Amino acid sequence: MTNLFGTRRRIDLAFGEDPIRFVKRVVEAAENLMPPAPGKVWRYRDLAKTALKLGVSRRRRGPVVECVQDPPRLTSLPQIKSWPDDGGPFLTLPLVYTEHPVTGKGNLGMYRNQIYDDQTLGMHIQIHRGGGFHYHEAEKSGRALPVNLFLGGPPALTLSAVAPLRRTFRNWCLLRCSRRAGLR
């Protein structure tokens, strides 16, 4: 991601200094809180305030849905053909949102999407990542997996989509930690 954002200054402009400070503070707390004591816990009360910002809220409106193509016209979107032997054009840096068919928990990933025509594309979902687990569950139950594709957005959104996180840690938590304000 460093190459994508270029310089330390650009990274700070995109994400602020809060993520680094927050992670250092969590590491410090983990090292110093054992054994726990009221005074020690009180010294790290600022972490509770940051932790309360984690999570998402659902909204029906917002800038992200101001430009919706329905029905989709995929060939009108920015696309590249990186290599001469590629099977066709691909969407660049698509943010792919899926939800687990049983639990409803969401995942934000970034998977290659090859454009076949205006309404069809092939998605390379990695089976060991969130979207792959969601696809496996949908396939097991004989259902299609609904997918939302987003192009563009703030740098923190891209970072949260590609971060190698455990499945129990949601991308949105990283996004909220890496921005001074929530995503609207």
Protein backbone atom coordinates (compact mmCIF):
# COMPACT_ATOMS: atom_id res chain seq x y z
CA MET A 1 0.00 0.00 0.00
CA THR A 2 2.95 2.32 0.56
CA ASN A 3 3.68 2.40 -3.17
CA LEU A 4 0.03 3.17 -3.89
CA PHE A 5 -0.03 6.23 -1.63
CA GLY A 6 3.56 7.31 -2.44
CA THR A 7 5.06 9.11 0.51
CA ARG A 8 4.79 9.19 4.28
CA ARG A 9 3.22 12.67 4.01
CA ARG A 10 0.50 11.39 1.65
CA ILE A 11 -0.20 8.47 3.98
CA ASP A 12 -0.56 10.89 6.91
CA LEU A 13 -2.88 13.08 4.83
CA ALA A 14 -5.00 10.08 3.86
CA PHE A 15 -5.16 8.34 7.23
CA GLY A 16 -3.92 10.82 9.82
CA GLU A 17 -1.55 9.84 12.59
CA ASP A 18 -4.24 8.26 14.76
CA PRO A 19 -3.87 4.65 13.53
CA ILE A 20 -0.18 4.49 14.40
CA ARG A 21 -0.75 6.14 17.76
CA PHE A 22 -3.71 3.82 18.49
CA VAL A 23 -1.78 0.62 17.64
CA LYS A 24 1.23 1.72 19.72
CA ARG A 25 -1.11 2.49 22.63
CA VAL A 26 -2.80 -0.94 22.39
CA VAL A 27 0.60 -2.68 22.36
CA GLU A 28 1.70 -0.61 25.36
CA ALA A 29 -1.52 -1.51 27.22
CA ALA A 30 -1.09 -5.21 26.44
CA GLU A 31 2.43 -5.12 27.86
CA ASN A 32 1.56 -3.12 31.00
CA LEU A 33 -1.92 -4.27 32.05
CA MET A 34 -0.89 -7.67 33.37
CA PRO A 35 -1.75 -8.20 36.09
CA PRO A 36 -4.68 -5.79 35.84
CA ALA A 37 -5.16 -3.20 38.56
CA PRO A 38 -7.66 -0.29 38.75
CA GLY A 39 -4.92 2.34 38.40
CA LYS A 40 -3.44 0.63 35.34
CA VAL A 41 -6.81 0.25 33.66
CA TRP A 42 -7.59 3.93 34.33
CA ARG A 43 -4.37 4.99 32.56
CA TYR A 44 -5.60 3.32 29.37
CA ARG A 45 -9.20 4.61 29.47
CA ASP A 46 -8.58 6.51 26.22
CA LEU A 47 -8.58 3.16 24.40
CA ALA A 48 -12.19 2.59 25.44
CA LYS A 49 -13.25 5.85 23.76
CA THR A 50 -11.55 4.79 20.51
CA ALA A 51 -13.01 1.28 20.75
CA LEU A 52 -16.53 2.73 21.05
CA LYS A 53 -16.09 4.25 17.56
CA LEU A 54 -15.59 0.81 16.02
CA GLY A 55 -18.34 -0.75 14.00
CA VAL A 56 -20.71 0.50 11.35
CA SER A 57 -24.12 2.03 11.12
CA ARG A 58 -26.53 1.33 8.30
CA ARG A 59 -27.91 4.20 6.26
CA ARG A 60 -30.32 4.28 3.36
CA ARG A 61 -28.75 7.37 1.79
CA GLY A 62 -25.26 8.70 1.29
CA PRO A 63 -22.72 9.73 -1.33
CA VAL A 64 -21.85 6.10 -2.07
CA VAL A 65 -25.27 5.50 -3.66
CA GLU A 66 -25.53 8.76 -5.60
CA CYS A 67 -24.03 7.17 -8.70
CA VAL A 68 -25.71 3.81 -9.24
CA GLN A 69 -26.00 2.23 -12.68
CA ASP A 70 -29.12 0.10 -12.88
CA PRO A 71 -29.02 -1.88 -15.04
CA PRO A 72 -25.22 -1.92 -14.99
CA ARG A 73 -23.23 -0.77 -18.01
CA LEU A 74 -19.92 -2.38 -17.17
CA THR A 75 -18.23 -1.49 -20.45
CA SER A 76 -18.68 2.22 -19.66
CA LEU A 77 -16.53 1.92 -16.51
CA PRO A 78 -12.76 2.56 -16.37
CA GLN A 79 -11.02 -0.65 -17.36
CA ILE A 80 -7.53 -1.82 -18.23
CA LYS A 81 -5.92 -4.72 -20.01
CA SER A 82 -2.64 -5.14 -18.11
CA TRP A 83 -1.00 -7.90 -20.12
CA PRO A 84 -1.21 -8.77 -23.82
CA ASP A 85 -2.42 -12.30 -22.99
CA ASP A 86 -5.13 -11.20 -20.53
CA GLY A 87 -8.53 -12.60 -21.47
CA GLY A 88 -9.99 -9.12 -21.65
CA PRO A 89 -10.30 -5.84 -19.76
CA PHE A 90 -10.48 -5.69 -15.96
CA LEU A 91 -11.90 -3.20 -13.48
CA THR A 92 -9.11 -1.46 -11.59
CA LEU A 93 -9.06 -1.69 -7.78
CA PRO A 94 -12.71 -2.73 -7.36
CA LEU A 95 -13.98 -2.82 -3.79
CA VAL A 96 -16.14 -5.93 -3.46
CA TYR A 97 -18.72 -6.18 -0.66
CA THR A 98 -20.36 -9.50 0.19
CA GLU A 99 -22.38 -10.78 3.14
CA HIS A 100 -22.28 -14.25 4.64
CA PRO A 101 -25.52 -15.98 3.52
CA VAL A 102 -26.21 -17.38 7.00
CA THR A 103 -24.83 -14.87 9.51
CA GLY A 104 -25.18 -11.71 7.43
CA LYS A 105 -21.70 -10.52 8.46
CA GLY A 106 -20.16 -8.37 5.75
CA ASN A 107 -16.76 -8.49 4.11
CA LEU A 108 -14.99 -5.89 2.02
CA GLY A 109 -12.34 -7.27 -0.33
CA MET A 110 -10.57 -6.42 -3.54
CA TYR A 111 -10.77 -9.09 -6.22
CA ARG A 112 -9.96 -9.02 -9.94
CA ASN A 113 -13.05 -8.51 -12.08
CA GLN A 114 -12.89 -9.24 -15.79
CA ILE A 115 -15.52 -7.52 -17.92
CA TYR A 116 -17.26 -9.83 -20.40
CA ASP A 117 -20.08 -7.52 -21.53
CA ASP A 118 -22.27 -4.72 -20.19
CA GLN A 119 -23.91 -6.88 -17.51
CA THR A 120 -21.52 -9.79 -16.94
CA LEU A 121 -18.13 -10.01 -15.33
CA GLY A 122 -15.96 -12.77 -13.95
CA MET A 123 -14.79 -12.31 -10.39
CA HIS A 124 -11.67 -14.00 -9.05
CA ILE A 125 -12.74 -14.50 -5.43
CA GLN A 126 -9.94 -15.97 -3.35
CA ILE A 127 -11.26 -19.01 -1.50
CA HIS A 128 -9.20 -18.31 1.63
CA ARG A 129 -10.55 -14.75 2.06
CA GLY A 130 -13.88 -13.38 3.33
CA GLY A 131 -15.62 -13.28 -0.05
CA GLY A 132 -14.49 -16.83 -0.76
CA PHE A 133 -16.01 -18.12 2.47
CA HIS A 134 -19.25 -16.30 1.65
CA TYR A 135 -19.29 -17.78 -1.87
CA HIS A 136 -18.68 -21.28 -0.49
CA GLU A 137 -21.65 -20.98 1.90
CA ALA A 138 -23.91 -19.66 -0.85
CA GLU A 139 -22.87 -22.43 -3.24
CA LYS A 140 -23.43 -25.06 -0.54
CA SER A 141 -27.03 -23.90 -0.13
CA GLY A 142 -27.61 -23.62 -3.88
CA ARG A 143 -28.08 -19.84 -3.82
CA ALA A 144 -26.41 -17.04 -5.73
CA LEU A 145 -24.18 -14.69 -3.72
CA PRO A 146 -25.27 -11.05 -4.00
CA VAL A 147 -22.23 -8.81 -4.58
CA ASN A 148 -21.83 -5.03 -4.48
CA LEU A 149 -18.96 -3.50 -6.42
CA PHE A 150 -17.59 -0.04 -5.68
CA LEU A 151 -15.05 1.93 -7.70
CA GLY A 152 -13.19 4.71 -5.92
CA GLY A 153 -13.47 5.97 -2.37
CA PRO A 154 -11.17 7.22 0.36
CA PRO A 155 -7.72 5.60 0.74
CA ALA A 156 -8.67 4.15 4.13
CA LEU A 157 -11.40 2.13 2.42
CA THR A 158 -8.89 0.61 0.00
CA LEU A 159 -6.54 -0.19 2.88
CA SER A 160 -9.27 -1.91 4.87
CA ALA A 161 -10.25 -4.00 1.82
CA VAL A 162 -6.76 -5.40 1.24
CA ALA A 163 -5.55 -5.72 4.84
CA PRO A 164 -4.74 -9.33 5.77
CA LEU A 165 -7.13 -9.53 8.72
CA ARG A 166 -8.47 -12.51 10.63
CA ARG A 167 -12.04 -13.38 9.70
CA THR A 168 -13.21 -12.42 13.19
CA PHE A 169 -11.88 -8.86 12.77
CA ARG A 170 -14.13 -6.91 10.47
CA ASN A 171 -12.70 -4.61 7.78
CA TRP A 172 -14.94 -1.82 9.04
CA CYS A 173 -13.15 -1.81 12.40
CA LEU A 174 -9.83 -1.13 10.67
CA LEU A 175 -11.49 1.54 8.56
CA ARG A 176 -12.89 3.30 11.62
CA CYS A 177 -9.51 3.12 13.41
CA SER A 178 -7.68 4.50 10.37
CA ARG A 179 -9.88 7.58 9.93
CA ARG A 180 -10.43 10.48 12.25
CA ALA A 181 -14.11 10.48 11.31
CA GLY A 182 -16.40 7.71 10.17
CA LEU A 183 -17.10 6.92 6.54
CA ARG A 184 -20.29 8.48 5.19
